[in-house]
C-alpha cells in the first residue's frame, strides 16, 4: 500500500505520478470557503476529470469506469481512525491518499 503525498503549502499545484506504468498529471486545488480539496486529472495532455472532490472513504475517480483513468484505487483514509473527513486540518496529517492495486476480474 502506497501513499500519494499532498503538499498543502504548494496548493494549487500540479505533479506527475506513474500509476500502473502510465504517467498521469494531478492538479490539486483547495476551496478555503468550504474547506475541501479537489483533484484534476490529465493523461497525455488530455483532461480526464476536473474538480473531483476528495471525500473520506470514497475512492477518487470512482464514478469513472473509463480505461483511460488510473487502474488503482485511490482512497482518502485515516489508519488511526481519528478523522473521518478530508479538510485542511486532516489531509496529510492523519488522512492520506492510499493506493490499492485493482484486482482484475476472472
N, C-alpha and C. Protein backbone atom coordinates (compact mmCIF):
# COMPACT_ATOMS: atom_id res chain seq x y z
N UNK A 1 0.85 -1.17 0.00
CA UNK A 1 0.00 0.00 0.00
C UNK A 1 0.90 1.24 0.00
N UNK A 2 0.70 2.10 -0.98
CA UNK A 2 1.50 3.31 -1.09
C UNK A 2 0.62 4.53 -0.81
N UNK A 3 1.29 5.66 -0.55
CA UNK A 3 0.59 6.90 -0.26
C UNK A 3 0.97 7.94 -1.30
N UNK A 4 -0.02 8.69 -1.80
CA UNK A 4 0.24 9.85 -2.65
C UNK A 4 0.33 11.05 -1.71
N UNK A 5 1.50 11.67 -1.67
CA UNK A 5 1.71 12.82 -0.79
C UNK A 5 1.08 14.08 -1.39
N UNK A 6 0.33 14.80 -0.59
CA UNK A 6 -0.23 16.09 -0.99
C UNK A 6 0.48 17.16 -0.17
N UNK A 7 1.10 18.10 -0.86
CA UNK A 7 1.83 19.18 -0.19
C UNK A 7 0.94 20.41 -0.15
N UNK A 8 0.22 20.55 0.95
CA UNK A 8 -0.79 21.61 1.07
C UNK A 8 -0.22 23.00 0.88
N UNK A 9 1.03 23.22 1.31
CA UNK A 9 1.63 24.54 1.22
C UNK A 9 1.84 24.99 -0.22
N UNK A 10 1.85 24.04 -1.16
CA UNK A 10 2.08 24.37 -2.57
C UNK A 10 0.79 24.57 -3.36
N UNK A 11 -0.34 24.29 -2.78
CA UNK A 11 -1.63 24.35 -3.49
C UNK A 11 -1.92 25.78 -3.92
N UNK A 12 -2.40 26.01 -5.16
CA UNK A 12 -2.65 25.00 -6.19
C UNK A 12 -1.35 24.59 -6.89
N UNK A 13 -1.23 23.31 -7.18
CA UNK A 13 -0.04 22.83 -7.88
C UNK A 13 -0.35 21.56 -8.66
N UNK A 14 0.57 21.25 -9.57
CA UNK A 14 0.45 20.06 -10.43
C UNK A 14 1.64 19.16 -10.18
N UNK A 15 1.42 17.87 -10.33
CA UNK A 15 2.53 16.93 -10.26
C UNK A 15 2.20 15.72 -11.11
N UNK A 16 3.26 15.07 -11.58
CA UNK A 16 3.10 13.86 -12.37
C UNK A 16 3.31 12.66 -11.47
N UNK A 17 2.57 11.60 -11.75
CA UNK A 17 2.68 10.36 -10.99
C UNK A 17 2.50 9.19 -11.95
N UNK A 18 3.29 8.15 -11.74
CA UNK A 18 3.17 6.95 -12.57
C UNK A 18 2.31 5.95 -11.82
N UNK A 19 1.21 5.57 -12.44
CA UNK A 19 0.29 4.58 -11.88
C UNK A 19 0.10 3.48 -12.90
N UNK A 20 0.38 2.26 -12.54
CA UNK A 20 0.31 1.10 -13.45
C UNK A 20 0.96 1.41 -14.80
N UNK A 21 2.22 1.86 -14.74
CA UNK A 21 3.04 2.12 -15.92
C UNK A 21 2.51 3.24 -16.83
N UNK A 22 1.64 4.09 -16.31
CA UNK A 22 1.10 5.20 -17.08
C UNK A 22 1.33 6.50 -16.31
N UNK A 23 1.77 7.54 -17.02
CA UNK A 23 2.01 8.83 -16.38
C UNK A 23 0.72 9.64 -16.38
N UNK A 24 0.33 10.09 -15.20
CA UNK A 24 -0.83 10.95 -15.04
C UNK A 24 -0.37 12.27 -14.42
N UNK A 25 -1.12 13.32 -14.70
CA UNK A 25 -0.88 14.61 -14.06
C UNK A 25 -2.05 14.91 -13.15
N UNK A 26 -1.74 15.16 -11.88
CA UNK A 26 -2.74 15.55 -10.89
C UNK A 26 -2.57 17.05 -10.65
N UNK A 27 -3.68 17.76 -10.55
CA UNK A 27 -3.65 19.16 -10.16
C UNK A 27 -4.52 19.29 -8.92
N UNK A 28 -3.93 19.80 -7.84
CA UNK A 28 -4.60 19.86 -6.55
C UNK A 28 -5.07 21.28 -6.28
N UNK A 29 -6.33 21.40 -5.86
CA UNK A 29 -6.91 22.70 -5.51
C UNK A 29 -7.56 22.60 -4.14
N UNK A 30 -7.69 23.77 -3.49
CA UNK A 30 -8.33 23.83 -2.18
C UNK A 30 -9.38 24.93 -2.19
N UNK A 31 -10.57 24.61 -1.69
CA UNK A 31 -11.64 25.58 -1.55
C UNK A 31 -11.66 26.02 -0.10
N UNK A 32 -11.10 27.20 0.17
CA UNK A 32 -10.97 27.68 1.55
C UNK A 32 -12.32 28.09 2.15
N UNK A 33 -13.26 28.47 1.31
CA UNK A 33 -14.57 28.88 1.81
C UNK A 33 -15.33 27.70 2.42
N UNK A 34 -15.23 26.54 1.76
CA UNK A 34 -15.96 25.35 2.23
C UNK A 34 -15.04 24.25 2.75
N UNK A 35 -13.72 24.50 2.80
CA UNK A 35 -12.75 23.60 3.41
C UNK A 35 -12.74 22.20 2.80
N UNK A 36 -12.53 22.16 1.46
CA UNK A 36 -12.36 20.86 0.81
C UNK A 36 -11.35 20.97 -0.32
N UNK A 37 -10.87 19.80 -0.75
CA UNK A 37 -9.87 19.69 -1.81
C UNK A 37 -10.47 19.04 -3.03
N UNK A 38 -9.96 19.44 -4.21
CA UNK A 38 -10.35 18.79 -5.45
C UNK A 38 -9.10 18.42 -6.23
N UNK A 39 -9.25 17.43 -7.10
CA UNK A 39 -8.16 16.95 -7.95
C UNK A 39 -8.63 16.99 -9.40
N UNK A 40 -7.79 17.55 -10.27
CA UNK A 40 -7.99 17.45 -11.71
C UNK A 40 -7.04 16.37 -12.21
N UNK A 41 -7.46 15.66 -13.25
CA UNK A 41 -6.66 14.55 -13.77
C UNK A 41 -6.44 14.70 -15.26
N UNK A 42 -5.17 14.54 -15.68
CA UNK A 42 -4.82 14.54 -17.09
C UNK A 42 -3.98 13.32 -17.41
N UNK A 43 -4.09 12.90 -18.67
CA UNK A 43 -3.24 11.81 -19.18
C UNK A 43 -2.86 12.17 -20.60
N UNK A 44 -1.57 12.21 -20.87
CA UNK A 44 -1.05 12.57 -22.19
C UNK A 44 -1.62 13.90 -22.67
N UNK A 45 -1.76 14.87 -21.76
CA UNK A 45 -2.26 16.19 -22.12
C UNK A 45 -3.76 16.28 -22.25
N UNK A 46 -4.45 15.17 -22.12
CA UNK A 46 -5.91 15.15 -22.23
C UNK A 46 -6.52 15.24 -20.83
N UNK A 47 -7.44 16.22 -20.65
CA UNK A 47 -8.11 16.37 -19.37
C UNK A 47 -9.17 15.28 -19.24
N UNK A 48 -9.03 14.46 -18.18
CA UNK A 48 -9.99 13.37 -17.95
C UNK A 48 -11.03 13.74 -16.90
N UNK A 49 -10.63 14.56 -15.92
CA UNK A 49 -11.56 14.94 -14.85
C UNK A 49 -11.12 16.26 -14.27
N UNK A 50 -12.09 17.08 -13.87
CA UNK A 50 -11.79 18.34 -13.19
C UNK A 50 -12.68 18.45 -11.96
N UNK A 51 -12.12 19.02 -10.92
CA UNK A 51 -12.90 19.29 -9.72
C UNK A 51 -13.38 18.07 -8.98
N UNK A 52 -12.64 16.95 -9.07
CA UNK A 52 -13.04 15.73 -8.38
C UNK A 52 -12.76 15.89 -6.89
N UNK A 53 -13.81 15.99 -6.08
CA UNK A 53 -13.68 16.29 -4.66
C UNK A 53 -13.14 15.09 -3.88
N UNK A 54 -12.21 15.38 -2.96
CA UNK A 54 -11.72 14.34 -2.07
C UNK A 54 -12.74 14.14 -0.95
N UNK A 55 -13.32 12.95 -0.91
CA UNK A 55 -14.33 12.61 0.10
C UNK A 55 -13.80 11.42 0.90
N UNK A 56 -13.82 11.55 2.21
CA UNK A 56 -13.28 10.50 3.07
C UNK A 56 -13.95 9.15 2.78
N UNK A 57 -13.13 8.12 2.57
CA UNK A 57 -13.63 6.77 2.38
C UNK A 57 -14.22 6.47 1.01
N UNK A 58 -14.20 7.45 0.11
CA UNK A 58 -14.73 7.26 -1.25
C UNK A 58 -13.56 7.28 -2.23
N UNK A 59 -13.38 6.21 -2.99
CA UNK A 59 -12.26 6.17 -3.94
C UNK A 59 -12.30 7.33 -4.93
N UNK A 60 -11.16 7.95 -5.15
CA UNK A 60 -11.04 9.05 -6.12
C UNK A 60 -11.32 8.51 -7.52
N UNK A 61 -12.08 9.26 -8.29
CA UNK A 61 -12.46 8.90 -9.66
C UNK A 61 -13.31 7.64 -9.71
N UNK A 62 -13.99 7.28 -8.62
CA UNK A 62 -14.77 6.04 -8.57
C UNK A 62 -15.97 6.07 -9.50
N UNK A 63 -16.41 7.25 -9.90
CA UNK A 63 -17.57 7.33 -10.80
C UNK A 63 -17.17 7.10 -12.25
N UNK A 64 -15.88 6.93 -12.52
CA UNK A 64 -15.40 6.75 -13.89
C UNK A 64 -14.99 5.30 -14.13
N UNK A 65 -15.61 4.71 -15.13
CA UNK A 65 -15.26 3.33 -15.48
C UNK A 65 -14.53 3.30 -16.83
N UNK A 66 -13.87 4.39 -17.13
CA UNK A 66 -13.14 4.57 -18.37
C UNK A 66 -11.73 4.00 -18.21
N UNK A 67 -11.28 3.23 -19.19
CA UNK A 67 -9.96 2.59 -19.09
C UNK A 67 -8.81 3.60 -19.15
N UNK A 68 -9.09 4.86 -19.51
CA UNK A 68 -8.04 5.89 -19.54
C UNK A 68 -7.69 6.36 -18.13
N UNK A 69 -8.55 6.09 -17.15
CA UNK A 69 -8.31 6.51 -15.77
C UNK A 69 -7.34 5.54 -15.09
N UNK A 70 -6.74 5.98 -13.98
CA UNK A 70 -5.82 5.09 -13.26
C UNK A 70 -6.49 3.77 -12.88
N UNK A 71 -5.75 2.69 -13.03
CA UNK A 71 -6.27 1.37 -12.71
C UNK A 71 -5.85 0.97 -11.29
N UNK A 72 -5.84 1.96 -10.41
CA UNK A 72 -5.60 1.74 -8.99
C UNK A 72 -6.70 2.46 -8.24
N UNK A 73 -7.00 1.97 -7.06
CA UNK A 73 -7.96 2.65 -6.21
C UNK A 73 -7.19 3.63 -5.33
N UNK A 74 -7.64 4.88 -5.33
CA UNK A 74 -7.01 5.93 -4.51
C UNK A 74 -8.04 6.34 -3.47
N UNK A 75 -7.74 6.05 -2.21
CA UNK A 75 -8.73 6.19 -1.15
C UNK A 75 -8.25 7.15 -0.06
N UNK A 76 -8.98 8.26 0.18
CA UNK A 76 -8.66 9.13 1.31
C UNK A 76 -9.07 8.41 2.60
N UNK A 77 -8.08 8.16 3.47
CA UNK A 77 -8.35 7.31 4.63
C UNK A 77 -7.41 7.67 5.78
N UNK A 78 -7.89 7.46 6.99
CA UNK A 78 -7.11 7.68 8.21
C UNK A 78 -6.96 6.35 8.92
N UNK A 79 -5.74 5.78 8.87
CA UNK A 79 -5.50 4.49 9.51
C UNK A 79 -5.68 4.54 11.02
N UNK A 80 -5.47 5.71 11.62
CA UNK A 80 -5.60 5.82 13.08
C UNK A 80 -7.05 5.87 13.53
N UNK A 81 -7.95 6.20 12.59
CA UNK A 81 -9.37 6.29 12.94
C UNK A 81 -9.74 7.58 13.65
N UNK A 82 -8.81 8.53 13.75
CA UNK A 82 -9.10 9.77 14.47
C UNK A 82 -9.88 10.79 13.64
N UNK A 83 -9.86 10.66 12.32
CA UNK A 83 -10.58 11.59 11.45
C UNK A 83 -11.43 10.81 10.45
N UNK A 84 -12.57 11.39 10.11
CA UNK A 84 -13.43 10.78 9.11
C UNK A 84 -13.92 11.81 8.11
N UNK A 85 -13.08 12.83 7.92
CA UNK A 85 -13.39 13.89 6.96
C UNK A 85 -12.08 14.36 6.35
N UNK A 86 -12.15 14.81 5.10
CA UNK A 86 -10.97 15.36 4.43
C UNK A 86 -11.11 16.88 4.43
N UNK A 87 -10.25 17.55 5.18
CA UNK A 87 -10.24 19.00 5.19
C UNK A 87 -8.81 19.48 5.43
N UNK A 88 -8.62 20.79 5.57
CA UNK A 88 -7.26 21.32 5.72
C UNK A 88 -6.57 20.74 6.94
N UNK A 89 -7.31 20.60 8.02
CA UNK A 89 -6.74 20.11 9.27
C UNK A 89 -6.28 18.65 9.18
N UNK A 90 -7.02 17.81 8.42
CA UNK A 90 -6.74 16.37 8.43
C UNK A 90 -5.87 15.88 7.28
N UNK A 91 -5.98 16.49 6.09
CA UNK A 91 -5.24 15.98 4.93
C UNK A 91 -3.74 16.13 5.15
N UNK A 92 -3.02 15.05 4.91
CA UNK A 92 -1.57 14.96 5.08
C UNK A 92 -1.15 15.09 6.54
N UNK A 93 -2.10 15.02 7.46
CA UNK A 93 -1.81 14.99 8.89
C UNK A 93 -2.20 13.61 9.42
N UNK A 94 -3.48 13.24 9.27
CA UNK A 94 -3.93 11.90 9.64
C UNK A 94 -4.61 11.21 8.46
N UNK A 95 -5.18 12.00 7.54
CA UNK A 95 -5.82 11.44 6.35
C UNK A 95 -4.84 11.51 5.19
N UNK A 96 -4.62 10.37 4.55
CA UNK A 96 -3.70 10.30 3.42
C UNK A 96 -4.40 9.62 2.25
N UNK A 97 -3.85 9.82 1.04
CA UNK A 97 -4.39 9.16 -0.15
C UNK A 97 -3.66 7.84 -0.33
N UNK A 98 -4.33 6.76 0.01
CA UNK A 98 -3.75 5.42 -0.11
C UNK A 98 -4.08 4.85 -1.48
N UNK A 99 -3.09 4.16 -2.07
CA UNK A 99 -3.29 3.50 -3.36
C UNK A 99 -3.36 2.00 -3.18
N UNK A 100 -4.36 1.40 -3.81
CA UNK A 100 -4.53 -0.05 -3.80
C UNK A 100 -4.62 -0.49 -5.25
N UNK A 101 -3.87 -1.53 -5.61
CA UNK A 101 -3.98 -2.10 -6.94
C UNK A 101 -5.36 -2.71 -7.12
N UNK A 102 -6.02 -2.40 -8.23
CA UNK A 102 -7.32 -3.00 -8.50
C UNK A 102 -7.10 -4.42 -9.00
N UNK A 103 -7.90 -5.33 -8.49
CA UNK A 103 -7.79 -6.72 -8.93
C UNK A 103 -8.63 -6.91 -10.17
N UNK A 104 -8.04 -7.64 -11.12
CA UNK A 104 -8.75 -7.89 -12.36
C UNK A 104 -9.76 -9.01 -12.16
N UNK A 105 -10.90 -8.88 -12.83
CA UNK A 105 -11.92 -9.93 -12.75
C UNK A 105 -11.47 -11.14 -13.55
N UNK A 106 -11.87 -12.30 -13.07
CA UNK A 106 -11.59 -13.50 -13.84
C UNK A 106 -10.60 -14.30 -13.16
